[in-house]
Amino acid sequence: MFDESALWERLADHLPRADAEEILGFRDIGEQEGGIDHLVAALVTHQVPITGTERAEIAVLAEIWSVREMVESRLAQCLAAGEAEPGLLVLPADTPTSPAYPTAGELVVVPWITCTRCDRTLVRAHLYEEWDDLSFLPEYYGIRDPQQSLTAARFGPHDVKAAFSCLLAVCPHEPAA
């Protein structure tokens, strides 16, 4: 289960007190977008290492609050914590896998977060727009199993929390403690 409130607290704990208070202050007044932006900026500025799972959780949080595109290049700059166990990997931004050369109105599947333990991937499916870019909002989220050519589970365009929770739940391997 994706517990957004606990996530804010846990991520803020990585930062110096003043930054943590500011980030939680953004959240408390309903300015989550600014809080996420400040969180990622502070992680980069203070060179705080984060795990692959934390990077994925921040990416999901940013997607929920519609700031994924705004923060993903800086999120990629966050230092990686030295992980002994495999975890989650946020893939490079908007690298479609199918179709390779889309036309306007076609559905494009974009791999987003991969579990490095089981190779399942949380994907976003976007319409390819006539201005040669992906639609801002996805048509659906899905879990792609490497053993299947199709998306194994689908979630609506506003169900990113459920899709991410499913990715974590379907992994047959125990996560690192």
N, C-alpha and C. Protein backbone atom coordinates (compact mmCIF):
# COMPACT_ATOMS: atom_id res chain seq x y z
N MET A 1 0.84 -1.19 0.00
CA MET A 1 0.00 0.00 0.00
C MET A 1 0.89 1.25 0.00
N PHE A 2 0.55 2.20 -0.82
CA PHE A 2 1.31 3.44 -0.95
C PHE A 2 0.77 4.43 0.06
N ASP A 3 1.50 4.66 1.15
CA ASP A 3 1.07 5.57 2.21
C ASP A 3 1.76 6.92 2.00
N GLU A 4 1.03 7.82 1.37
CA GLU A 4 1.59 9.11 0.98
C GLU A 4 2.06 9.93 2.18
N SER A 5 1.28 9.96 3.25
CA SER A 5 1.63 10.74 4.44
C SER A 5 2.93 10.24 5.07
N ALA A 6 3.04 8.93 5.23
CA ALA A 6 4.25 8.35 5.81
C ALA A 6 5.45 8.60 4.90
N LEU A 7 5.22 8.57 3.59
CA LEU A 7 6.31 8.81 2.64
C LEU A 7 6.86 10.23 2.80
N TRP A 8 5.99 11.22 2.89
CA TRP A 8 6.45 12.61 3.10
C TRP A 8 7.34 12.68 4.34
N GLU A 9 6.88 12.09 5.42
CA GLU A 9 7.65 12.14 6.69
C GLU A 9 9.00 11.45 6.53
N ARG A 10 8.99 10.27 5.94
CA ARG A 10 10.23 9.50 5.79
C ARG A 10 11.24 10.21 4.90
N LEU A 11 10.78 10.79 3.80
CA LEU A 11 11.70 11.50 2.91
C LEU A 11 12.23 12.77 3.54
N ALA A 12 11.39 13.49 4.25
CA ALA A 12 11.82 14.72 4.92
C ALA A 12 12.89 14.42 5.97
N ASP A 13 12.83 13.24 6.59
CA ASP A 13 13.82 12.86 7.60
C ASP A 13 15.24 12.77 7.04
N HIS A 14 15.39 12.66 5.73
CA HIS A 14 16.72 12.59 5.11
C HIS A 14 17.42 13.95 5.08
N LEU A 15 16.66 15.00 5.29
CA LEU A 15 17.17 16.35 5.05
C LEU A 15 17.45 17.13 6.33
N PRO A 16 18.25 18.20 6.21
CA PRO A 16 18.45 19.08 7.36
C PRO A 16 17.09 19.61 7.85
N ARG A 17 17.02 19.89 9.12
CA ARG A 17 15.75 20.26 9.77
C ARG A 17 15.00 21.38 9.05
N ALA A 18 15.68 22.44 8.67
CA ALA A 18 15.00 23.57 8.02
C ALA A 18 14.34 23.15 6.72
N ASP A 19 15.04 22.36 5.91
CA ASP A 19 14.46 21.88 4.65
C ASP A 19 13.29 20.94 4.93
N ALA A 20 13.46 20.05 5.90
CA ALA A 20 12.39 19.10 6.23
C ALA A 20 11.13 19.85 6.66
N GLU A 21 11.30 20.84 7.50
CA GLU A 21 10.14 21.61 7.97
C GLU A 21 9.47 22.36 6.82
N GLU A 22 10.26 22.90 5.91
CA GLU A 22 9.69 23.61 4.77
C GLU A 22 8.90 22.66 3.85
N ILE A 23 9.47 21.48 3.61
CA ILE A 23 8.80 20.50 2.75
C ILE A 23 7.48 20.05 3.39
N LEU A 24 7.52 19.74 4.67
CA LEU A 24 6.29 19.32 5.35
C LEU A 24 5.31 20.48 5.46
N GLY A 25 5.82 21.70 5.54
CA GLY A 25 4.96 22.89 5.55
C GLY A 25 4.21 23.03 4.23
N PHE A 26 4.90 22.81 3.12
CA PHE A 26 4.24 22.82 1.81
C PHE A 26 3.09 21.82 1.80
N ARG A 27 3.39 20.60 2.26
CA ARG A 27 2.36 19.55 2.28
C ARG A 27 1.19 19.96 3.16
N ASP A 28 1.48 20.50 4.33
CA ASP A 28 0.44 20.84 5.29
C ASP A 28 -0.51 21.92 4.80
N ILE A 29 -0.01 22.81 3.94
CA ILE A 29 -0.90 23.88 3.43
C ILE A 29 -1.50 23.52 2.07
N GLY A 30 -1.28 22.29 1.63
CA GLY A 30 -1.88 21.85 0.38
C GLY A 30 -1.11 22.23 -0.87
N GLU A 31 0.16 22.54 -0.71
CA GLU A 31 1.02 22.89 -1.85
C GLU A 31 2.02 21.77 -2.10
N GLN A 32 1.47 20.57 -2.32
CA GLN A 32 2.33 19.40 -2.52
C GLN A 32 3.26 19.56 -3.71
N GLU A 33 2.80 20.24 -4.75
CA GLU A 33 3.65 20.43 -5.93
C GLU A 33 4.94 21.16 -5.56
N GLY A 34 4.81 22.24 -4.80
CA GLY A 34 5.99 22.98 -4.36
C GLY A 34 6.84 22.16 -3.40
N GLY A 35 6.20 21.37 -2.56
CA GLY A 35 6.92 20.52 -1.63
C GLY A 35 7.76 19.47 -2.34
N ILE A 36 7.20 18.88 -3.38
CA ILE A 36 7.94 17.86 -4.14
C ILE A 36 9.13 18.51 -4.85
N ASP A 37 8.89 19.66 -5.44
CA ASP A 37 9.97 20.38 -6.12
C ASP A 37 11.09 20.71 -5.13
N HIS A 38 10.72 21.21 -3.96
CA HIS A 38 11.72 21.56 -2.94
C HIS A 38 12.43 20.31 -2.43
N LEU A 39 11.68 19.21 -2.25
CA LEU A 39 12.27 17.96 -1.79
C LEU A 39 13.38 17.50 -2.73
N VAL A 40 13.06 17.42 -4.01
CA VAL A 40 14.05 16.94 -4.98
C VAL A 40 15.24 17.89 -5.05
N ALA A 41 14.96 19.20 -5.05
CA ALA A 41 16.05 20.18 -5.09
C ALA A 41 16.95 20.03 -3.85
N ALA A 42 16.36 19.83 -2.69
CA ALA A 42 17.14 19.69 -1.45
C ALA A 42 17.96 18.40 -1.46
N LEU A 43 17.38 17.31 -1.97
CA LEU A 43 18.14 16.06 -2.04
C LEU A 43 19.38 16.23 -2.93
N VAL A 44 19.22 16.94 -4.04
CA VAL A 44 20.35 17.18 -4.94
C VAL A 44 21.36 18.13 -4.29
N THR A 45 20.87 19.23 -3.75
CA THR A 45 21.74 20.24 -3.14
C THR A 45 22.58 19.67 -2.00
N HIS A 46 21.93 18.89 -1.13
CA HIS A 46 22.63 18.33 0.04
C HIS A 46 23.30 17.00 -0.27
N GLN A 47 23.22 16.56 -1.52
CA GLN A 47 23.83 15.31 -1.96
C GLN A 47 23.43 14.14 -1.06
N VAL A 48 22.14 14.04 -0.82
CA VAL A 48 21.60 12.97 0.02
C VAL A 48 21.38 11.74 -0.85
N PRO A 49 22.01 10.63 -0.53
CA PRO A 49 21.79 9.42 -1.31
C PRO A 49 20.42 8.82 -1.01
N ILE A 50 19.74 8.36 -2.05
CA ILE A 50 18.44 7.72 -1.88
C ILE A 50 18.47 6.36 -2.57
N THR A 51 17.64 5.46 -2.08
CA THR A 51 17.57 4.13 -2.68
C THR A 51 16.75 4.19 -3.97
N GLY A 52 16.85 3.14 -4.74
CA GLY A 52 16.04 3.04 -5.95
C GLY A 52 14.56 3.05 -5.63
N THR A 53 14.19 2.42 -4.52
CA THR A 53 12.78 2.41 -4.11
C THR A 53 12.33 3.82 -3.74
N GLU A 54 13.16 4.57 -3.03
CA GLU A 54 12.81 5.95 -2.69
C GLU A 54 12.69 6.81 -3.94
N ARG A 55 13.58 6.60 -4.89
CA ARG A 55 13.51 7.35 -6.15
C ARG A 55 12.19 7.03 -6.86
N ALA A 56 11.80 5.76 -6.87
CA ALA A 56 10.54 5.36 -7.49
C ALA A 56 9.35 5.97 -6.73
N GLU A 57 9.41 5.96 -5.40
CA GLU A 57 8.33 6.53 -4.60
C GLU A 57 8.18 8.03 -4.87
N ILE A 58 9.30 8.73 -5.01
CA ILE A 58 9.24 10.16 -5.32
C ILE A 58 8.65 10.36 -6.72
N ALA A 59 9.04 9.52 -7.66
CA ALA A 59 8.50 9.62 -9.03
C ALA A 59 6.98 9.43 -9.01
N VAL A 60 6.51 8.47 -8.23
CA VAL A 60 5.07 8.23 -8.13
C VAL A 60 4.39 9.41 -7.46
N LEU A 61 4.97 9.91 -6.38
CA LEU A 61 4.42 11.09 -5.70
C LEU A 61 4.33 12.27 -6.66
N ALA A 62 5.38 12.47 -7.45
CA ALA A 62 5.38 13.56 -8.43
C ALA A 62 4.32 13.34 -9.51
N GLU A 63 4.10 12.10 -9.89
CA GLU A 63 3.06 11.79 -10.88
C GLU A 63 1.68 12.09 -10.30
N ILE A 64 1.46 11.73 -9.06
CA ILE A 64 0.17 11.98 -8.40
C ILE A 64 -0.15 13.47 -8.44
N TRP A 65 0.85 14.29 -8.18
CA TRP A 65 0.65 15.74 -8.08
C TRP A 65 1.00 16.47 -9.38
N SER A 66 1.12 15.73 -10.48
CA SER A 66 1.30 16.29 -11.84
C SER A 66 2.56 17.14 -12.00
N VAL A 67 3.63 16.76 -11.30
CA VAL A 67 4.90 17.48 -11.45
C VAL A 67 6.04 16.54 -11.86
N ARG A 68 5.68 15.34 -12.34
CA ARG A 68 6.70 14.37 -12.73
C ARG A 68 7.65 14.95 -13.77
N GLU A 69 7.09 15.54 -14.82
CA GLU A 69 7.94 16.08 -15.87
C GLU A 69 8.83 17.20 -15.37
N MET A 70 8.33 17.97 -14.40
CA MET A 70 9.08 19.10 -13.87
C MET A 70 10.29 18.64 -13.03
N VAL A 71 10.17 17.52 -12.31
CA VAL A 71 11.22 17.12 -11.39
C VAL A 71 12.06 15.93 -11.85
N GLU A 72 11.64 15.22 -12.91
CA GLU A 72 12.32 13.97 -13.21
C GLU A 72 13.79 14.12 -13.62
N SER A 73 14.17 15.20 -14.27
CA SER A 73 15.59 15.34 -14.63
C SER A 73 16.44 15.57 -13.37
N ARG A 74 15.91 16.34 -12.42
CA ARG A 74 16.64 16.53 -11.15
C ARG A 74 16.60 15.28 -10.29
N LEU A 75 15.49 14.55 -10.34
CA LEU A 75 15.39 13.30 -9.58
C LEU A 75 16.47 12.32 -10.06
N ALA A 76 16.72 12.32 -11.35
CA ALA A 76 17.77 11.45 -11.91
C ALA A 76 19.16 11.86 -11.41
N GLN A 77 19.32 13.11 -10.97
CA GLN A 77 20.60 13.60 -10.47
C GLN A 77 20.84 13.24 -9.01
N CYS A 78 19.81 12.77 -8.31
CA CYS A 78 19.98 12.40 -6.90
C CYS A 78 20.99 11.27 -6.79
N LEU A 79 21.82 11.34 -5.76
CA LEU A 79 22.81 10.30 -5.54
C LEU A 79 22.12 8.99 -5.20
N ALA A 80 22.69 7.90 -5.68
CA ALA A 80 22.15 6.58 -5.37
C ALA A 80 22.80 6.06 -4.09
N ALA A 81 21.96 5.55 -3.21
CA ALA A 81 22.47 4.91 -2.01
C ALA A 81 23.08 3.58 -2.42
N GLY A 82 24.14 3.19 -1.77
CA GLY A 82 24.77 1.91 -2.08
C GLY A 82 23.86 0.78 -1.62
N GLU A 83 23.17 0.17 -2.58
CA GLU A 83 22.21 -0.89 -2.25
C GLU A 83 22.86 -2.25 -2.48
N ALA A 84 22.81 -3.08 -1.46
CA ALA A 84 23.33 -4.44 -1.59
C ALA A 84 22.33 -5.33 -2.30
N GLU A 85 21.05 -5.04 -2.15
CA GLU A 85 19.98 -5.84 -2.73
C GLU A 85 19.34 -5.10 -3.90
N PRO A 86 18.84 -5.83 -4.88
CA PRO A 86 18.10 -5.18 -5.97
C PRO A 86 16.84 -4.52 -5.44
N GLY A 87 16.33 -3.57 -6.18
CA GLY A 87 15.13 -2.85 -5.78
C GLY A 87 14.36 -2.37 -6.98
N LEU A 88 14.04 -1.09 -6.99
CA LEU A 88 13.29 -0.50 -8.09
C LEU A 88 14.19 0.45 -8.86
N LEU A 89 13.93 0.53 -10.14
CA LEU A 89 14.72 1.37 -11.03
C LEU A 89 13.76 2.24 -11.83
N VAL A 90 13.93 3.56 -11.74
CA VAL A 90 13.15 4.49 -12.55
C VAL A 90 13.89 4.65 -13.87
N LEU A 91 13.20 4.34 -14.94
CA LEU A 91 13.83 4.36 -16.26
C LEU A 91 13.91 5.78 -16.81
N PRO A 92 14.77 6.02 -17.80
CA PRO A 92 14.87 7.36 -18.40
C PRO A 92 13.50 7.84 -18.89
N ALA A 93 13.33 9.12 -18.85
CA ALA A 93 12.05 9.75 -19.16
C ALA A 93 11.57 9.47 -20.57
N ASP A 94 10.29 9.13 -20.66
CA ASP A 94 9.55 9.04 -21.92
C ASP A 94 10.30 8.36 -23.05
N THR A 95 10.74 7.14 -22.82
CA THR A 95 11.37 6.33 -23.84
C THR A 95 10.38 5.26 -24.27
N PRO A 96 9.57 5.55 -25.30
CA PRO A 96 8.54 4.59 -25.69
C PRO A 96 9.14 3.30 -26.24
N THR A 97 8.45 2.20 -25.97
CA THR A 97 8.89 0.93 -26.52
C THR A 97 7.99 0.47 -27.65
N SER A 98 6.75 0.90 -27.64
CA SER A 98 5.87 0.51 -28.73
C SER A 98 4.82 1.57 -28.93
N PRO A 99 4.51 1.94 -30.13
CA PRO A 99 5.25 1.61 -31.34
C PRO A 99 6.52 2.46 -31.43
N ALA A 100 7.48 2.01 -32.22
CA ALA A 100 8.76 2.72 -32.33
C ALA A 100 8.61 4.09 -32.99
N TYR A 101 7.75 4.17 -34.01
CA TYR A 101 7.53 5.44 -34.71
C TYR A 101 6.03 5.72 -34.74
N PRO A 102 5.51 6.26 -33.64
CA PRO A 102 4.05 6.44 -33.55
C PRO A 102 3.53 7.55 -34.46
N THR A 103 2.26 7.47 -34.75
CA THR A 103 1.57 8.52 -35.47
C THR A 103 0.51 9.09 -34.55
N ALA A 104 0.03 10.28 -34.86
CA ALA A 104 -0.96 10.96 -34.02
C ALA A 104 -2.15 10.04 -33.74
N GLY A 105 -2.55 9.99 -32.47
CA GLY A 105 -3.69 9.20 -32.06
C GLY A 105 -3.35 7.78 -31.65
N GLU A 106 -2.13 7.34 -31.89
CA GLU A 106 -1.72 5.99 -31.51
C GLU A 106 -1.39 5.95 -30.03
N LEU A 107 -1.63 4.80 -29.41
CA LEU A 107 -1.29 4.59 -28.01
C LEU A 107 0.17 4.17 -27.92
N VAL A 108 0.93 4.86 -27.06
CA VAL A 108 2.35 4.59 -26.89
C VAL A 108 2.58 4.12 -25.45
N VAL A 109 3.22 2.97 -25.31
CA VAL A 109 3.52 2.42 -23.99
C VAL A 109 4.93 2.84 -23.60
N VAL A 110 5.05 3.46 -22.42
CA VAL A 110 6.33 3.96 -21.94
C VAL A 110 6.71 3.22 -20.66
N PRO A 111 7.80 2.44 -20.67
CA PRO A 111 8.25 1.81 -19.43
C PRO A 111 8.68 2.90 -18.44
N TRP A 112 8.33 2.70 -17.17
CA TRP A 112 8.58 3.77 -16.21
C TRP A 112 9.39 3.30 -15.01
N ILE A 113 8.88 2.33 -14.26
CA ILE A 113 9.57 1.86 -13.06
C ILE A 113 9.68 0.35 -13.15
N THR A 114 10.90 -0.17 -13.07
CA THR A 114 11.12 -1.60 -13.16
C THR A 114 11.58 -2.16 -11.82
N CYS A 115 11.03 -3.30 -11.46
CA CYS A 115 11.50 -4.03 -10.28
C CYS A 115 12.69 -4.86 -10.75
N THR A 116 13.85 -4.59 -10.18
CA THR A 116 15.05 -5.30 -10.62
C THR A 116 15.13 -6.70 -10.03
N ARG A 117 14.21 -7.05 -9.13
CA ARG A 117 14.17 -8.41 -8.58
C ARG A 117 13.42 -9.35 -9.53
N CYS A 118 12.30 -8.88 -10.12
CA CYS A 118 11.46 -9.77 -10.94
C CYS A 118 11.31 -9.29 -12.38
N ASP A 119 11.87 -8.13 -12.71
CA ASP A 119 11.83 -7.55 -14.06
C ASP A 119 10.45 -7.09 -14.52
N ARG A 120 9.46 -7.06 -13.62
CA ARG A 120 8.16 -6.49 -14.00
C ARG A 120 8.33 -4.98 -14.05
N THR A 121 7.55 -4.35 -14.93
CA THR A 121 7.68 -2.91 -15.13
C THR A 121 6.32 -2.23 -15.04
N LEU A 122 6.29 -1.14 -14.30
CA LEU A 122 5.13 -0.25 -14.29
C LEU A 122 5.26 0.62 -15.53
N VAL A 123 4.23 0.60 -16.38
CA VAL A 123 4.26 1.36 -17.62
C VAL A 123 3.17 2.42 -17.59
N ARG A 124 3.36 3.44 -18.42
CA ARG A 124 2.33 4.46 -18.68
C ARG A 124 1.99 4.35 -20.16
N ALA A 125 0.72 4.41 -20.48
CA ALA A 125 0.30 4.39 -21.88
C ALA A 125 -0.29 5.76 -22.20
N HIS A 126 0.30 6.43 -23.16
CA HIS A 126 -0.11 7.78 -23.56
C HIS A 126 -0.56 7.77 -25.02
N LEU A 127 -1.41 8.70 -25.35
CA LEU A 127 -1.72 8.94 -26.75
C LEU A 127 -0.60 9.77 -27.35
N TYR A 128 -0.24 9.48 -28.58
CA TYR A 128 0.74 10.29 -29.27
C TYR A 128 -0.03 11.43 -29.93
N GLU A 129 0.32 12.64 -29.59
CA GLU A 129 -0.43 13.81 -30.04
C GLU A 129 0.06 14.30 -31.41
N GLU A 130 -0.76 15.07 -32.06
CA GLU A 130 -0.42 15.57 -33.40
C GLU A 130 0.75 16.54 -33.39
N TRP A 131 1.13 17.07 -32.24
CA TRP A 131 2.28 17.97 -32.15
C TRP A 131 3.57 17.19 -31.84
N ASP A 132 3.56 15.88 -32.13
CA ASP A 132 4.73 15.01 -32.01
C ASP A 132 5.25 14.87 -30.58
N ASP A 133 4.33 14.64 -29.66
CA ASP A 133 4.72 14.40 -28.28
C ASP A 133 3.64 13.55 -27.62
N LEU A 134 3.97 13.01 -26.47
CA LEU A 134 3.01 12.21 -25.73
C LEU A 134 2.01 13.10 -25.01
N SER A 135 0.80 12.59 -24.83
CA SER A 135 -0.21 13.33 -24.05
C SER A 135 0.30 13.51 -22.63
N PHE A 136 -0.11 14.60 -21.99
CA PHE A 136 0.35 14.87 -20.63
C PHE A 136 -0.15 13.79 -19.67
N LEU A 137 -1.42 13.46 -19.75
CA LEU A 137 -2.00 12.44 -18.88
C LEU A 137 -1.98 11.09 -19.57
N PRO A 138 -1.67 10.04 -18.83
CA PRO A 138 -1.70 8.71 -19.45
C PRO A 138 -3.14 8.24 -19.65
N GLU A 139 -3.32 7.35 -20.60
CA GLU A 139 -4.60 6.69 -20.80
C GLU A 139 -4.81 5.62 -19.75
N TYR A 140 -3.72 4.97 -19.36
CA TYR A 140 -3.76 3.98 -18.29
C TYR A 140 -2.34 3.72 -17.79
N TYR A 141 -2.26 3.09 -16.62
CA TYR A 141 -1.01 2.56 -16.07
C TYR A 141 -1.14 1.04 -16.16
N GLY A 142 -0.03 0.36 -16.27
CA GLY A 142 -0.09 -1.09 -16.32
C GLY A 142 1.16 -1.72 -15.76
N ILE A 143 1.05 -3.01 -15.48
CA ILE A 143 2.19 -3.80 -15.03
C ILE A 143 2.52 -4.76 -16.17
N ARG A 144 3.73 -4.66 -16.67
CA ARG A 144 4.17 -5.55 -17.76
C ARG A 144 5.06 -6.63 -17.16
N ASP A 145 4.69 -7.86 -17.41
CA ASP A 145 5.44 -9.02 -16.96
C ASP A 145 6.41 -9.40 -18.08
N PRO A 146 7.68 -9.64 -17.77
CA PRO A 146 8.64 -9.96 -18.83
C PRO A 146 8.31 -11.27 -19.55
N GLN A 147 7.52 -12.13 -18.92
CA GLN A 147 7.15 -13.40 -19.52
C GLN A 147 5.98 -13.27 -20.50
N GLN A 148 5.33 -12.09 -20.49
CA GLN A 148 4.17 -11.87 -21.35
C GLN A 148 4.46 -10.70 -22.28
N SER A 149 3.91 -10.75 -23.45
CA SER A 149 4.14 -9.64 -24.39
C SER A 149 3.16 -8.50 -24.14
N LEU A 150 2.07 -8.76 -23.44
CA LEU A 150 1.08 -7.73 -23.17
C LEU A 150 1.16 -7.28 -21.72
N THR A 151 0.52 -6.18 -21.44
CA THR A 151 0.46 -5.68 -20.08
C THR A 151 -0.43 -6.60 -19.26
N ALA A 152 0.11 -7.13 -18.14
CA ALA A 152 -0.58 -8.12 -17.33
C ALA A 152 -1.73 -7.52 -16.51
N ALA A 153 -1.60 -6.30 -16.06
CA ALA A 153 -2.63 -5.65 -15.25
C ALA A 153 -2.75 -4.22 -15.71
N ARG A 154 -3.98 -3.70 -15.74
CA ARG A 154 -4.20 -2.31 -16.15
C ARG A 154 -4.94 -1.55 -15.07
N PHE A 155 -4.59 -0.26 -14.97
CA PHE A 155 -5.20 0.63 -13.99
C PHE A 155 -5.58 1.92 -14.70
N GLY A 156 -6.61 2.57 -14.23
CA GLY A 156 -7.11 3.78 -14.85
C GLY A 156 -6.11 4.93 -14.83
N PRO A 157 -6.43 6.02 -15.51
CA PRO A 157 -5.51 7.14 -15.64
C PRO A 157 -5.23 7.89 -14.34
N HIS A 158 -6.02 7.61 -13.30
CA HIS A 158 -5.79 8.28 -12.01
C HIS A 158 -5.43 7.27 -10.92
N ASP A 159 -5.08 6.06 -11.32
CA ASP A 159 -4.81 4.98 -10.36
C ASP A 159 -3.34 4.65 -10.22
N VAL A 160 -2.49 5.66 -10.25
CA VAL A 160 -1.05 5.40 -10.17
C VAL A 160 -0.66 4.78 -8.83
N LYS A 161 -1.32 5.17 -7.73
CA LYS A 161 -1.02 4.56 -6.42
C LYS A 161 -1.30 3.06 -6.46
N ALA A 162 -2.45 2.70 -7.00
CA ALA A 162 -2.82 1.28 -7.08
C ALA A 162 -1.86 0.52 -7.98
N ALA A 163 -1.47 1.11 -9.09
CA ALA A 163 -0.55 0.45 -10.02
C ALA A 163 0.81 0.24 -9.36
N PHE A 164 1.32 1.24 -8.65
CA PHE A 164 2.61 1.12 -7.99
C PHE A 164 2.54 0.08 -6.87
N SER A 165 1.46 0.11 -6.10
CA SER A 165 1.27 -0.89 -5.04
C SER A 165 1.23 -2.29 -5.62
N CYS A 166 0.59 -2.45 -6.78
CA CYS A 166 0.52 -3.75 -7.45
C CYS A 166 1.91 -4.19 -7.88
N LEU A 167 2.71 -3.29 -8.42
CA LEU A 167 4.07 -3.63 -8.81
C LEU A 167 4.83 -4.21 -7.62
N LEU A 168 4.69 -3.57 -6.48
CA LEU A 168 5.38 -4.04 -5.28
C LEU A 168 4.81 -5.39 -4.81
N ALA A 169 3.50 -5.55 -4.95
CA ALA A 169 2.84 -6.75 -4.44
C ALA A 169 3.07 -7.99 -5.32
N VAL A 170 3.22 -7.81 -6.63
CA VAL A 170 3.32 -8.97 -7.52
C VAL A 170 4.73 -9.55 -7.58
N CYS A 171 5.69 -8.85 -7.03
CA CYS A 171 7.08 -9.37 -7.07
C CYS A 171 7.15 -10.64 -6.23
N PRO A 172 7.61 -11.75 -6.81
CA PRO A 172 7.68 -13.01 -6.08
C PRO A 172 8.86 -13.07 -5.11
N HIS A 173 9.73 -12.09 -5.15
CA HIS A 173 10.90 -12.09 -4.30
C HIS A 173 10.67 -11.16 -3.11
N GLU A 174 11.28 -11.49 -2.01
CA GLU A 174 11.18 -10.65 -0.81
C GLU A 174 12.01 -9.40 -1.00
N PRO A 175 11.43 -8.21 -0.71
CA PRO A 175 12.24 -6.99 -0.81
C PRO A 175 13.30 -6.95 0.27
N ALA A 176 14.32 -6.15 0.02
CA ALA A 176 15.40 -5.98 1.01
C ALA A 176 14.84 -5.38 2.27
N ALA A 177 15.33 -5.82 3.41
CA ALA A 177 14.83 -5.29 4.71
C ALA A 177 15.51 -4.01 5.06
